[in-house]
PDB file of N, CA and C in Angstrom:
ATOM      1  N   MET A   1     -16.548  11.894 -11.061  1.00  0.00           N
ATOM      2  CA  MET A   1     -15.354  11.350 -10.903  1.00  0.00           C
ATOM      3  C   MET A   1     -15.540   9.864 -10.246  1.00  0.00           C
ATOM      4  N   LYS A   2     -14.760   8.967 -10.907  1.00  0.00           N
ATOM      5  CA  LYS A   2     -14.946   7.689 -10.329  1.00  0.00           C
ATOM      6  C   LYS A   2     -13.465   7.315  -9.631  1.00  0.00           C
ATOM      7  N   TYR A   3     -13.553   6.601  -8.499  1.00  0.00           N
ATOM      8  CA  TYR A   3     -12.550   6.252  -7.756  1.00  0.00           C
ATOM      9  C   TYR A   3     -12.387   4.751  -7.666  1.00  0.00           C
ATOM     10  N   ARG A   4     -11.359   4.105  -7.647  1.00  0.00           N
ATOM     11  CA  ARG A   4     -11.231   2.822  -7.229  1.00  0.00           C
ATOM     12  C   ARG A   4     -10.253   2.555  -5.948  1.00  0.00           C
ATOM     13  N   VAL A   5     -10.609   1.744  -5.136  1.00  0.00           N
ATOM     14  CA  VAL A   5      -9.592   1.580  -3.953  1.00  0.00           C
ATOM     15  C   VAL A   5      -9.120   0.112  -4.046  1.00  0.00           C
ATOM     16  N   HIS A   6      -7.765  -0.101  -3.812  1.00  0.00           N
ATOM     17  CA  HIS A   6      -6.976  -1.354  -4.116  1.00  0.00           C
ATOM     18  C   HIS A   6      -6.436  -1.611  -2.615  1.00  0.00           C
ATOM     19  N   ARG A   7      -6.569  -2.971  -2.191  1.00  0.00           N
ATOM     20  CA  ARG A   7      -5.991  -3.402  -1.047  1.00  0.00           C
ATOM     21  C   ARG A   7      -4.602  -3.998  -1.385  1.00  0.00           C
ATOM     22  N   PHE A   8      -3.532  -3.829  -1.150  1.00  0.00           N
ATOM     23  CA  PHE A   8      -2.307  -4.375  -1.483  1.00  0.00           C
ATOM     24  C   PHE A   8      -1.526  -4.852  -0.279  1.00  0.00           C
ATOM     25  N   ASP A   9      -1.549  -6.266  -0.027  1.00  0.00           N
ATOM     26  CA  ASP A   9      -0.921  -6.909   1.107  1.00  0.00           C
ATOM     27  C   ASP A   9       0.698  -6.851   0.637  1.00  0.00           C
ATOM     28  N   ILE A  10       1.418  -6.586   1.696  1.00  0.00           N
ATOM     29  CA  ILE A  10       2.851  -6.039   1.438  1.00  0.00           C
ATOM     30  C   ILE A  10       3.682  -6.791   2.583  1.00  0.00           C
ATOM     31  N   ASP A  11       4.793  -7.130   2.420  1.00  0.00           N
ATOM     32  CA  ASP A  11       6.141  -7.342   3.192  1.00  0.00           C
ATOM     33  C   ASP A  11       7.201  -6.375   2.820  1.00  0.00           C
ATOM     34  N   MET A  12       7.253  -5.308   3.484  1.00  0.00           N
ATOM     35  CA  MET A  12       7.973  -4.064   3.014  1.00  0.00           C
ATOM     36  C   MET A  12       9.458  -4.511   2.380  1.00  0.00           C
ATOM     37  N   PRO A  13      10.218  -5.212   2.868  1.00  0.00           N
ATOM     38  CA  PRO A  13      11.573  -5.509   2.087  1.00  0.00           C
ATOM     39  C   PRO A  13      11.559  -6.217   0.986  1.00  0.00           C
ATOM     40  N   ALA A  14      10.555  -7.242   0.934  1.00  0.00           N
ATOM     41  CA  ALA A  14      10.461  -8.160  -0.061  1.00  0.00           C
ATOM     42  C   ALA A  14       9.703  -7.812  -1.148  1.00  0.00           C
ATOM     43  N   ASP A  15       8.567  -7.072  -1.016  1.00  0.00           N
ATOM     44  CA  ASP A  15       7.631  -6.698  -2.017  1.00  0.00           C
ATOM     45  C   ASP A  15       7.848  -5.327  -2.733  1.00  0.00           C
ATOM     46  N   GLN A  16       8.992  -4.789  -2.775  1.00  0.00           N
ATOM     47  CA  GLN A  16       9.186  -3.509  -3.337  1.00  0.00           C
ATOM     48  C   GLN A  16       9.112  -3.534  -4.897  1.00  0.00           C
ATOM     49  N   GLN A  17       9.660  -4.470  -5.482  1.00  0.00           N
ATOM     50  CA  GLN A  17       9.423  -4.623  -6.925  1.00  0.00           C
ATOM     51  C   GLN A  17       7.968  -5.007  -7.423  1.00  0.00           C
ATOM     52  N   LYS A  18       7.253  -5.758  -6.401  1.00  0.00           N
ATOM     53  CA  LYS A  18       5.845  -6.052  -6.705  1.00  0.00           C
ATOM     54  C   LYS A  18       4.951  -4.945  -6.461  1.00  0.00           C
ATOM     55  N   LEU A  19       5.137  -3.987  -5.739  1.00  0.00           N
ATOM     56  CA  LEU A  19       4.520  -2.883  -5.492  1.00  0.00           C
ATOM     57  C   LEU A  19       4.830  -1.841  -6.647  1.00  0.00           C
ATOM     58  N   GLU A  20       6.055  -1.683  -7.184  1.00  0.00           N
ATOM     59  CA  GLU A  20       6.468  -0.884  -8.188  1.00  0.00           C
ATOM     60  C   GLU A  20       5.615  -1.329  -9.499  1.00  0.00           C
ATOM     61  N   GLN A  21       5.676  -2.474  -9.711  1.00  0.00           N
ATOM     62  CA  GLN A  21       4.978  -3.101 -10.996  1.00  0.00           C
ATOM     63  C   GLN A  21       3.381  -2.738 -10.732  1.00  0.00           C
ATOM     64  N   PHE A  22       2.889  -3.056  -9.684  1.00  0.00           N
ATOM     65  CA  PHE A  22       1.474  -2.868  -9.289  1.00  0.00           C
ATOM     66  C   PHE A  22       1.036  -1.136  -9.780  1.00  0.00           C
ATOM     67  N   LEU A  23       1.862  -0.566  -9.171  1.00  0.00           N
ATOM     68  CA  LEU A  23       1.572   1.037  -9.586  1.00  0.00           C
ATOM     69  C   LEU A  23       1.785   1.448 -10.818  1.00  0.00           C
ATOM     70  N   ASN A  24       2.809   0.869 -11.703  1.00  0.00           N
ATOM     71  CA  ASN A  24       2.866   1.389 -13.075  1.00  0.00           C
ATOM     72  C   ASN A  24       1.811   0.636 -13.943  1.00  0.00           C
ATOM     73  N   ASN A  25       1.059  -0.306 -13.565  1.00  0.00           N
ATOM     74  CA  ASN A  25       0.116  -0.994 -14.386  1.00  0.00           C
ATOM     75  C   ASN A  25      -1.089  -0.351 -14.096  1.00  0.00           C
ATOM     76  N   LEU A  26      -1.219   0.563 -13.208  1.00  0.00           N
ATOM     77  CA  LEU A  26      -2.695   1.150 -12.874  1.00  0.00           C
ATOM     78  C   LEU A  26      -3.114   2.056 -13.931  1.00  0.00           C
ATOM     79  N   GLU A  27      -4.292   1.972 -14.417  1.00  0.00           N
ATOM     80  CA  GLU A  27      -4.913   2.834 -15.502  1.00  0.00           C
ATOM     81  C   GLU A  27      -5.041   4.258 -15.256  1.00  0.00           C
ATOM     82  N   GLY A  28      -5.364   4.566 -13.879  1.00  0.00           N
ATOM     83  CA  GLY A  28      -5.728   5.948 -13.488  1.00  0.00           C
ATOM     84  C   GLY A  28      -4.545   6.568 -12.819  1.00  0.00           C
ATOM     85  N   GLU A  29      -5.028   7.817 -12.052  1.00  0.00           N
ATOM     86  CA  GLU A  29      -3.917   8.585 -11.352  1.00  0.00           C
ATOM     87  C   GLU A  29      -4.130   8.069  -9.873  1.00  0.00           C
ATOM     88  N   VAL A  30      -2.919   7.854  -9.089  1.00  0.00           N
ATOM     89  CA  VAL A  30      -2.689   7.454  -7.891  1.00  0.00           C
ATOM     90  C   VAL A  30      -2.987   8.809  -7.102  1.00  0.00           C
ATOM     91  N   VAL A  31      -4.118   8.739  -6.066  1.00  0.00           N
ATOM     92  CA  VAL A  31      -4.579   9.939  -5.406  1.00  0.00           C
ATOM     93  C   VAL A  31      -3.629   9.783  -4.060  1.00  0.00           C
ATOM     94  N   THR A  32      -3.683   8.602  -3.415  1.00  0.00           N
ATOM     95  CA  THR A  32      -3.100   8.531  -2.125  1.00  0.00           C
ATOM     96  C   THR A  32      -2.912   7.060  -1.796  1.00  0.00           C
ATOM     97  N   ILE A  33      -1.874   6.827  -0.967  1.00  0.00           N
ATOM     98  CA  ILE A  33      -1.561   5.496  -0.571  1.00  0.00           C
ATOM     99  C   ILE A  33      -1.577   5.647   1.047  1.00  0.00           C
ATOM    100  N   ILE A  34      -2.365   4.631   1.593  1.00  0.00           N
ATOM    101  CA  ILE A  34      -2.714   4.799   2.950  1.00  0.00           C
ATOM    102  C   ILE A  34      -2.098   3.560   3.544  1.00  0.00           C
ATOM    103  N   PRO A  35      -1.116   3.671   4.416  1.00  0.00           N
ATOM    104  CA  PRO A  35      -0.533   2.412   5.088  1.00  0.00           C
ATOM    105  C   PRO A  35      -1.484   1.934   6.367  1.00  0.00           C
ATOM    106  N   ASN A  36      -1.471   0.570   6.487  1.00  0.00           N
ATOM    107  CA  ASN A  36      -2.201   0.207   7.598  1.00  0.00           C
ATOM    108  C   ASN A  36      -1.011  -0.293   8.598  1.00  0.00           C
ATOM    109  N   VAL A  37      -0.890   0.334   9.719  1.00  0.00           N
ATOM    110  CA  VAL A  37       0.299   0.299  10.503  1.00  0.00           C
ATOM    111  C   VAL A  37      -0.389  -0.392  11.761  1.00  0.00           C
ATOM    112  N   LYS A  38       0.443  -1.608  11.940  1.00  0.00           N
ATOM    113  CA  LYS A  38       0.159  -2.523  13.043  1.00  0.00           C
ATOM    114  C   LYS A  38       1.228  -2.366  14.169  1.00  0.00           C
ATOM    115  N   PRO A  39       0.693  -2.188  15.390  1.00  0.00           N
ATOM    116  CA  PRO A  39       1.918  -2.221  16.484  1.00  0.00           C
ATOM    117  C   PRO A  39       2.283  -3.565  16.775  1.00  0.00           C
ATOM    118  N   THR A  40       3.508  -3.818  17.036  1.00  0.00           N
ATOM    119  CA  THR A  40       4.047  -5.086  17.537  1.00  0.00           C
ATOM    120  C   THR A  40       4.941  -4.761  18.687  1.00  0.00           C
ATOM    121  N   PHE A  41       5.180  -5.769  19.436  1.00  0.00           N
ATOM    122  CA  PHE A  41       6.163  -5.868  20.608  1.00  0.00           C
ATOM    123  C   PHE A  41       7.013  -6.833  20.508  1.00  0.00           C
ATOM    124  N   GLN A  42       8.352  -6.394  20.652  1.00  0.00           N
ATOM    125  CA  GLN A  42       9.478  -7.359  20.449  1.00  0.00           C
ATOM    126  C   GLN A  42      10.326  -7.313  21.854  1.00  0.00           C
ATOM    127  N   LEU A  43      11.292  -8.048  21.898  1.00  0.00           N
ATOM    128  CA  LEU A  43      12.167  -8.227  23.233  1.00  0.00           C
ATOM    129  C   LEU A  43      12.762  -6.718  23.587  1.00  0.00           C
ATOM    130  N   MET A  44      13.127  -5.810  22.463  1.00  0.00           N
ATOM    131  CA  MET A  44      13.706  -4.568  22.771  1.00  0.00           C
ATOM    132  C   MET A  44      12.618  -3.404  22.986  1.00  0.00           C
ATOM    133  N   GLY A  45      11.425  -3.831  22.726  1.00  0.00           N
ATOM    134  CA  GLY A  45      10.465  -2.667  22.986  1.00  0.00           C
ATOM    135  C   GLY A  45       9.164  -2.734  21.803  1.00  0.00           C
ATOM    136  N   ALA A  46       8.694  -1.587  21.759  1.00  0.00           N
ATOM    137  CA  ALA A  46       7.465  -1.579  20.960  1.00  0.00           C
ATOM    138  C   ALA A  46       7.979  -1.022  19.456  1.00  0.00           C
ATOM    139  N   THR A  47       7.291  -1.474  18.381  1.00  0.00           N
ATOM    140  CA  THR A  47       7.517  -1.071  17.208  1.00  0.00           C
ATOM    141  C   THR A  47       6.390  -1.173  16.203  1.00  0.00           C
ATOM    142  N   ALA A  48       6.463  -0.874  15.002  1.00  0.00           N
ATOM    143  CA  ALA A  48       5.313  -0.948  14.091  1.00  0.00           C
ATOM    144  C   ALA A  48       5.771  -1.625  13.014  1.00  0.00           C
ATOM    145  N   LYS A  49       4.715  -2.268  12.186  1.00  0.00           N
ATOM    146  CA  LYS A  49       4.915  -2.960  11.009  1.00  0.00           C
ATOM    147  C   LYS A  49       3.748  -2.616   9.965  1.00  0.00           C
ATOM    148  N   VAL A  50       4.005  -2.305   8.717  1.00  0.00           N
ATOM    149  CA  VAL A  50       3.122  -1.963   7.818  1.00  0.00           C
ATOM    150  C   VAL A  50       2.621  -3.332   7.144  1.00  0.00           C
ATOM    151  N   ASN A  51       1.244  -3.869   7.303  1.00  0.00           N
ATOM    152  CA  ASN A  51       0.907  -5.260   6.721  1.00  0.00           C
ATOM    153  C   ASN A  51       0.211  -4.867   5.310  1.00  0.00           C
ATOM    154  N   PHE A  52      -0.411  -4.052   5.085  1.00  0.00           N
ATOM    155  CA  PHE A  52      -1.065  -3.666   3.784  1.00  0.00           C
ATOM    156  C   PHE A  52      -1.252  -2.148   3.508  1.00  0.00           C
ATOM    157  N   LEU A  53      -1.388  -1.978   2.285  1.00  0.00           N
ATOM    158  CA  LEU A  53      -1.481  -0.564   1.824  1.00  0.00           C
ATOM    159  C   LEU A  53      -2.968  -0.560   1.145  1.00  0.00           C
ATOM    160  N   TYR A  54      -3.714   0.605   1.277  1.00  0.00           N
ATOM    161  CA  TYR A  54      -4.886   1.069   0.536  1.00  0.00           C
ATOM    162  C   TYR A  54      -4.256   2.064  -0.448  1.00  0.00           C
ATOM    163  N   ILE A  55      -4.571   1.650  -1.761  1.00  0.00           N
ATOM    164  CA  ILE A  55      -4.215   2.605  -2.842  1.00  0.00           C
ATOM    165  C   ILE A  55      -5.389   3.096  -3.373  1.00  0.00           C
ATOM    166  N   VAL A  56      -5.510   4.519  -3.558  1.00  0.00           N
ATOM    167  CA  VAL A  56      -6.799   5.159  -3.946  1.00  0.00           C
ATOM    168  C   VAL A  56      -6.485   5.612  -5.693  1.00  0.00           C
ATOM    169  N   GLU A  57      -7.024   5.138  -6.451  1.00  0.00           N
ATOM    170  CA  GLU A  57      -6.872   5.430  -7.703  1.00  0.00           C
ATOM    171  C   GLU A  57      -8.002   6.343  -8.426  1.00  0.00           C
ATOM    172  N   LYS A  58      -7.706   7.483  -9.097  1.00  0.00           N
ATOM    173  CA  LYS A  58      -8.797   8.131  -9.634  1.00  0.00           C
ATOM    174  C   LYS A  58      -8.841   7.637 -11.148  1.00  0.00           C
ATOM    175  N   MET A  59     -10.061   7.205 -11.399  1.00  0.00           N
ATOM    176  CA  MET A  59     -10.177   6.586 -12.702  1.00  0.00           C
ATOM    177  C   MET A  59     -10.289   7.658 -13.883  1.00  0.00           C
ATOM    178  N   THR A  60      -9.682   7.373 -14.982  1.00  0.00           N
ATOM    179  CA  THR A  60      -9.601   8.407 -16.268  1.00  0.00           C
ATOM    180  C   THR A  60     -10.754   8.000 -17.064  1.00  0.00           C
ATOM    181  N   LYS A  61     -11.292   8.575 -18.031  1.00  0.00           N
ATOM    182  CA  LYS A  61     -12.328   8.137 -18.862  1.00  0.00           C
ATOM    183  C   LYS A  61     -11.950   7.188 -19.973  1.00  0.00           C
TER     184      LYS A  61
END
């Protein structure tokens, strides 16, 4: 089996359509999506932000 890993930079509210289009254009099967969660600190306290995704694709023949 062959796998391909894609890095997808994302701004969550703005890139929903872009992510949907990317996923629909993949040739193989999506095995998993791994978010990179970055902690951030704001005036009201700590929070987290997803700045990119790793998308693992299982290649078909």
